[in-house]
Amino acid sequence: MQTDNAQKIFIAGQLQRAQDNVDQLIASGAQSVVLDFSACTFISVDGLEWLEEMLLRADSSKAQVRFVSIPPSIYKVFKVARIDSIMRACGAPNTDKHSQSC
């Protein structure tokens, strides 16, 4: 994915609900969005559901979303959740049962 013109947003603290700034950015037509999780400390089920829904909206808008700087504890939540779109945003090339994590 090309990230030269990517809009970068930091996810800080606990991700427990939708992030309006991300939703607005995608709705505005941004083509490349990077979510930086370096300061994220927790993700709830609602946060996971929002991420999955946001990635679906981004896909239908032809926007590319990528996750970067994911702390190991947060990545573990993503991996256990086994949501293909989230794993792709992490950079996993193949998200079937036998693929390796990003």
N, C-alpha and C. Protein backbone atom coordinates (compact mmCIF):
# COMPACT_ATOMS: atom_id res chain seq x y z
N MET A 1 0.84 -1.18 0.00
CA MET A 1 0.00 0.00 0.00
C MET A 1 0.88 1.23 0.00
N GLN A 2 0.50 2.19 -0.75
CA GLN A 2 1.23 3.45 -0.79
C GLN A 2 0.78 4.30 0.38
N THR A 3 1.74 4.78 1.18
CA THR A 3 1.38 5.57 2.36
C THR A 3 1.93 6.98 2.29
N ASP A 4 2.45 7.41 1.13
CA ASP A 4 3.02 8.75 1.00
C ASP A 4 2.01 9.82 1.39
N ASN A 5 0.76 9.67 0.97
CA ASN A 5 -0.28 10.65 1.26
C ASN A 5 -1.26 10.15 2.31
N ALA A 6 -0.85 9.16 3.07
CA ALA A 6 -1.75 8.57 4.06
C ALA A 6 -2.01 9.54 5.21
N GLN A 7 -3.25 9.52 5.66
CA GLN A 7 -3.64 10.27 6.84
C GLN A 7 -3.36 9.37 8.04
N LYS A 8 -2.60 9.86 9.01
CA LYS A 8 -2.23 9.05 10.17
C LYS A 8 -3.03 9.50 11.38
N ILE A 9 -3.61 8.52 12.08
CA ILE A 9 -4.39 8.80 13.29
C ILE A 9 -3.87 7.90 14.39
N PHE A 10 -3.68 8.47 15.56
CA PHE A 10 -3.21 7.73 16.71
C PHE A 10 -4.40 7.24 17.54
N ILE A 11 -4.39 5.96 17.87
CA ILE A 11 -5.39 5.39 18.76
C ILE A 11 -4.73 5.31 20.14
N ALA A 12 -5.21 6.13 21.07
CA ALA A 12 -4.58 6.22 22.39
C ALA A 12 -5.53 5.72 23.47
N GLY A 13 -4.95 5.10 24.48
CA GLY A 13 -5.74 4.63 25.62
C GLY A 13 -6.57 3.42 25.24
N GLN A 14 -7.80 3.42 25.72
CA GLN A 14 -8.70 2.29 25.51
C GLN A 14 -9.61 2.52 24.31
N LEU A 15 -9.63 1.55 23.41
CA LEU A 15 -10.53 1.61 22.26
C LEU A 15 -11.78 0.81 22.61
N GLN A 16 -12.81 1.54 23.03
CA GLN A 16 -14.03 0.88 23.48
C GLN A 16 -15.25 1.25 22.65
N ARG A 17 -15.07 2.18 21.72
CA ARG A 17 -16.21 2.62 20.91
C ARG A 17 -15.68 3.21 19.60
N ALA A 18 -16.60 3.61 18.76
CA ALA A 18 -16.23 4.19 17.46
C ALA A 18 -15.38 5.45 17.65
N GLN A 19 -14.49 5.66 16.72
CA GLN A 19 -13.66 6.87 16.70
C GLN A 19 -14.19 7.76 15.58
N ASP A 20 -14.91 8.79 15.97
CA ASP A 20 -15.56 9.66 14.99
C ASP A 20 -14.58 10.26 13.99
N ASN A 21 -13.37 10.61 14.44
CA ASN A 21 -12.41 11.24 13.53
C ASN A 21 -11.99 10.28 12.41
N VAL A 22 -11.91 9.00 12.70
CA VAL A 22 -11.57 8.02 11.68
C VAL A 22 -12.75 7.84 10.72
N ASP A 23 -13.95 7.70 11.27
CA ASP A 23 -15.14 7.55 10.44
C ASP A 23 -15.31 8.75 9.51
N GLN A 24 -15.09 9.96 10.03
CA GLN A 24 -15.24 11.17 9.24
C GLN A 24 -14.19 11.23 8.13
N LEU A 25 -12.98 10.81 8.45
CA LEU A 25 -11.90 10.82 7.46
C LEU A 25 -12.23 9.89 6.29
N ILE A 26 -12.71 8.71 6.59
CA ILE A 26 -13.07 7.76 5.53
C ILE A 26 -14.28 8.28 4.74
N ALA A 27 -15.26 8.82 5.45
CA ALA A 27 -16.45 9.36 4.77
C ALA A 27 -16.09 10.54 3.87
N SER A 28 -15.02 11.27 4.21
CA SER A 28 -14.63 12.43 3.42
C SER A 28 -13.90 12.05 2.12
N GLY A 29 -13.62 10.75 1.97
CA GLY A 29 -12.98 10.30 0.74
C GLY A 29 -11.49 10.04 0.83
N ALA A 30 -10.93 10.02 2.03
CA ALA A 30 -9.51 9.70 2.17
C ALA A 30 -9.24 8.35 1.54
N GLN A 31 -8.17 8.24 0.78
CA GLN A 31 -7.85 6.99 0.09
C GLN A 31 -6.85 6.11 0.84
N SER A 32 -6.13 6.69 1.78
CA SER A 32 -5.13 5.93 2.53
C SER A 32 -5.10 6.43 3.97
N VAL A 33 -5.37 5.52 4.89
CA VAL A 33 -5.43 5.87 6.31
C VAL A 33 -4.54 4.90 7.08
N VAL A 34 -3.73 5.45 7.98
CA VAL A 34 -2.89 4.64 8.85
C VAL A 34 -3.32 4.88 10.29
N LEU A 35 -3.66 3.79 10.99
CA LEU A 35 -3.99 3.88 12.41
C LEU A 35 -2.79 3.40 13.20
N ASP A 36 -2.27 4.28 14.04
CA ASP A 36 -1.10 3.97 14.86
C ASP A 36 -1.61 3.56 16.24
N PHE A 37 -1.34 2.32 16.63
CA PHE A 37 -1.81 1.77 17.90
C PHE A 37 -0.75 1.83 18.99
N SER A 38 0.33 2.55 18.80
CA SER A 38 1.43 2.54 19.76
C SER A 38 1.02 2.96 21.17
N ALA A 39 -0.02 3.78 21.30
CA ALA A 39 -0.46 4.23 22.62
C ALA A 39 -1.78 3.58 23.05
N CYS A 40 -2.20 2.55 22.33
CA CYS A 40 -3.44 1.85 22.67
C CYS A 40 -3.15 0.85 23.79
N THR A 41 -3.97 0.85 24.82
CA THR A 41 -3.73 -0.01 25.98
C THR A 41 -4.76 -1.13 26.13
N PHE A 42 -5.90 -1.02 25.45
CA PHE A 42 -6.98 -1.99 25.63
C PHE A 42 -7.94 -1.87 24.46
N ILE A 43 -8.53 -3.01 24.05
CA ILE A 43 -9.58 -2.99 23.03
C ILE A 43 -10.73 -3.85 23.53
N SER A 44 -11.90 -3.25 23.59
CA SER A 44 -13.11 -3.98 24.00
C SER A 44 -13.72 -4.67 22.79
N VAL A 45 -14.74 -5.49 23.05
CA VAL A 45 -15.49 -6.13 21.96
C VAL A 45 -16.11 -5.06 21.07
N ASP A 46 -16.65 -4.00 21.68
CA ASP A 46 -17.23 -2.91 20.89
C ASP A 46 -16.16 -2.26 20.01
N GLY A 47 -14.96 -2.11 20.53
CA GLY A 47 -13.86 -1.55 19.74
C GLY A 47 -13.51 -2.45 18.56
N LEU A 48 -13.47 -3.77 18.79
CA LEU A 48 -13.21 -4.71 17.70
C LEU A 48 -14.31 -4.65 16.64
N GLU A 49 -15.56 -4.60 17.09
CA GLU A 49 -16.67 -4.52 16.15
C GLU A 49 -16.59 -3.25 15.31
N TRP A 50 -16.24 -2.13 15.96
CA TRP A 50 -16.11 -0.88 15.21
C TRP A 50 -15.00 -0.99 14.17
N LEU A 51 -13.84 -1.56 14.57
CA LEU A 51 -12.74 -1.72 13.62
C LEU A 51 -13.19 -2.54 12.41
N GLU A 52 -13.88 -3.63 12.65
CA GLU A 52 -14.33 -4.48 11.55
C GLU A 52 -15.30 -3.72 10.64
N GLU A 53 -16.26 -3.01 11.23
CA GLU A 53 -17.23 -2.24 10.44
C GLU A 53 -16.56 -1.10 9.68
N MET A 54 -15.61 -0.42 10.34
CA MET A 54 -14.89 0.67 9.69
C MET A 54 -14.10 0.16 8.50
N LEU A 55 -13.48 -1.02 8.64
CA LEU A 55 -12.72 -1.59 7.53
C LEU A 55 -13.64 -1.98 6.38
N LEU A 56 -14.85 -2.44 6.67
CA LEU A 56 -15.82 -2.75 5.62
C LEU A 56 -16.23 -1.48 4.88
N ARG A 57 -16.48 -0.39 5.63
CA ARG A 57 -16.83 0.89 5.00
C ARG A 57 -15.67 1.40 4.15
N ALA A 58 -14.46 1.28 4.68
CA ALA A 58 -13.28 1.73 3.94
C ALA A 58 -13.13 0.93 2.64
N ASP A 59 -13.33 -0.37 2.73
CA ASP A 59 -13.22 -1.21 1.55
C ASP A 59 -14.24 -0.83 0.49
N SER A 60 -15.46 -0.57 0.91
CA SER A 60 -16.49 -0.19 -0.06
C SER A 60 -16.23 1.19 -0.65
N SER A 61 -15.46 2.02 0.06
CA SER A 61 -15.09 3.35 -0.45
C SER A 61 -13.77 3.33 -1.19
N LYS A 62 -13.19 2.14 -1.33
CA LYS A 62 -11.88 1.97 -1.99
C LYS A 62 -10.75 2.66 -1.23
N ALA A 63 -10.95 2.86 0.08
CA ALA A 63 -9.89 3.44 0.92
C ALA A 63 -9.05 2.30 1.49
N GLN A 64 -7.76 2.53 1.58
CA GLN A 64 -6.86 1.54 2.17
C GLN A 64 -6.56 1.95 3.60
N VAL A 65 -6.73 1.01 4.52
CA VAL A 65 -6.47 1.27 5.94
C VAL A 65 -5.42 0.28 6.41
N ARG A 66 -4.43 0.80 7.10
CA ARG A 66 -3.34 -0.04 7.61
C ARG A 66 -3.13 0.28 9.08
N PHE A 67 -2.85 -0.75 9.88
CA PHE A 67 -2.54 -0.59 11.29
C PHE A 67 -1.03 -0.69 11.47
N VAL A 68 -0.45 0.20 12.29
CA VAL A 68 0.99 0.17 12.55
C VAL A 68 1.24 0.30 14.05
N SER A 69 2.45 -0.05 14.44
CA SER A 69 2.94 0.08 15.82
C SER A 69 1.97 -0.56 16.82
N ILE A 70 1.63 -1.79 16.56
CA ILE A 70 0.66 -2.50 17.40
C ILE A 70 1.41 -3.17 18.56
N PRO A 71 1.08 -2.78 19.79
CA PRO A 71 1.72 -3.44 20.94
C PRO A 71 1.37 -4.93 20.95
N PRO A 72 2.26 -5.78 21.46
CA PRO A 72 1.99 -7.23 21.48
C PRO A 72 0.66 -7.61 22.14
N SER A 73 0.29 -6.94 23.21
CA SER A 73 -0.97 -7.29 23.89
C SER A 73 -2.18 -6.98 23.01
N ILE A 74 -2.11 -5.93 22.24
CA ILE A 74 -3.21 -5.56 21.33
C ILE A 74 -3.22 -6.50 20.13
N TYR A 75 -2.04 -6.81 19.60
CA TYR A 75 -1.97 -7.74 18.47
C TYR A 75 -2.54 -9.10 18.87
N LYS A 76 -2.29 -9.52 20.10
CA LYS A 76 -2.81 -10.79 20.58
C LYS A 76 -4.34 -10.81 20.54
N VAL A 77 -4.97 -9.69 20.90
CA VAL A 77 -6.43 -9.57 20.82
C VAL A 77 -6.87 -9.72 19.37
N PHE A 78 -6.19 -9.04 18.45
CA PHE A 78 -6.53 -9.14 17.03
C PHE A 78 -6.41 -10.59 16.55
N LYS A 79 -5.32 -11.23 16.95
CA LYS A 79 -5.07 -12.60 16.50
C LYS A 79 -6.12 -13.56 17.04
N VAL A 80 -6.48 -13.44 18.31
CA VAL A 80 -7.48 -14.31 18.92
C VAL A 80 -8.86 -14.07 18.31
N ALA A 81 -9.15 -12.82 17.96
CA ALA A 81 -10.45 -12.48 17.37
C ALA A 81 -10.62 -13.12 16.00
N ARG A 82 -9.53 -13.33 15.28
CA ARG A 82 -9.54 -13.98 13.96
C ARG A 82 -10.48 -13.29 12.96
N ILE A 83 -10.43 -11.99 12.91
CA ILE A 83 -11.22 -11.21 11.96
C ILE A 83 -10.31 -10.89 10.78
N ASP A 84 -10.63 -11.48 9.62
CA ASP A 84 -9.75 -11.37 8.46
C ASP A 84 -9.39 -9.93 8.10
N SER A 85 -10.38 -9.04 8.09
CA SER A 85 -10.11 -7.66 7.68
C SER A 85 -9.13 -6.98 8.64
N ILE A 86 -9.23 -7.29 9.91
CA ILE A 86 -8.30 -6.70 10.89
C ILE A 86 -6.90 -7.26 10.69
N MET A 87 -6.80 -8.55 10.46
CA MET A 87 -5.48 -9.14 10.24
C MET A 87 -4.84 -8.60 8.96
N ARG A 88 -5.63 -8.39 7.92
CA ARG A 88 -5.09 -7.78 6.69
C ARG A 88 -4.58 -6.37 6.97
N ALA A 89 -5.32 -5.60 7.78
CA ALA A 89 -4.89 -4.23 8.11
C ALA A 89 -3.59 -4.24 8.90
N CYS A 90 -3.35 -5.34 9.62
CA CYS A 90 -2.08 -5.49 10.35
C CYS A 90 -0.93 -5.84 9.42
N GLY A 91 -1.26 -6.26 8.21
CA GLY A 91 -0.23 -6.61 7.25
C GLY A 91 -0.10 -8.09 6.98
N ALA A 92 -0.99 -8.90 7.56
CA ALA A 92 -0.92 -10.34 7.31
C ALA A 92 -1.24 -10.61 5.84
N PRO A 93 -0.35 -11.30 5.12
CA PRO A 93 -0.58 -11.55 3.71
C PRO A 93 -1.67 -12.57 3.44
N ASN A 94 -1.86 -13.49 4.36
CA ASN A 94 -2.85 -14.56 4.19
C ASN A 94 -3.42 -14.84 5.56
N THR A 95 -4.74 -14.84 5.67
CA THR A 95 -5.34 -14.95 7.00
C THR A 95 -6.04 -16.28 7.23
N ASP A 96 -5.69 -17.32 6.47
CA ASP A 96 -6.31 -18.60 6.75
C ASP A 96 -5.70 -19.22 8.01
N LYS A 97 -6.21 -20.35 8.44
CA LYS A 97 -5.80 -20.97 9.70
C LYS A 97 -4.31 -21.25 9.76
N HIS A 98 -3.69 -21.49 8.62
CA HIS A 98 -2.29 -21.93 8.62
C HIS A 98 -1.31 -20.79 8.33
N SER A 99 -1.80 -19.58 8.20
CA SER A 99 -0.89 -18.47 7.86
C SER A 99 -0.15 -17.99 9.11
N GLN A 100 0.93 -17.32 8.88
CA GLN A 100 1.69 -16.76 9.98
C GLN A 100 1.23 -15.34 10.23
N SER A 101 1.41 -14.88 11.46
CA SER A 101 0.99 -13.52 11.81
C SER A 101 1.96 -12.50 11.27
N CYS A 102 1.47 -11.26 11.21
CA CYS A 102 2.32 -10.18 10.70
C CYS A 102 3.32 -9.73 11.73
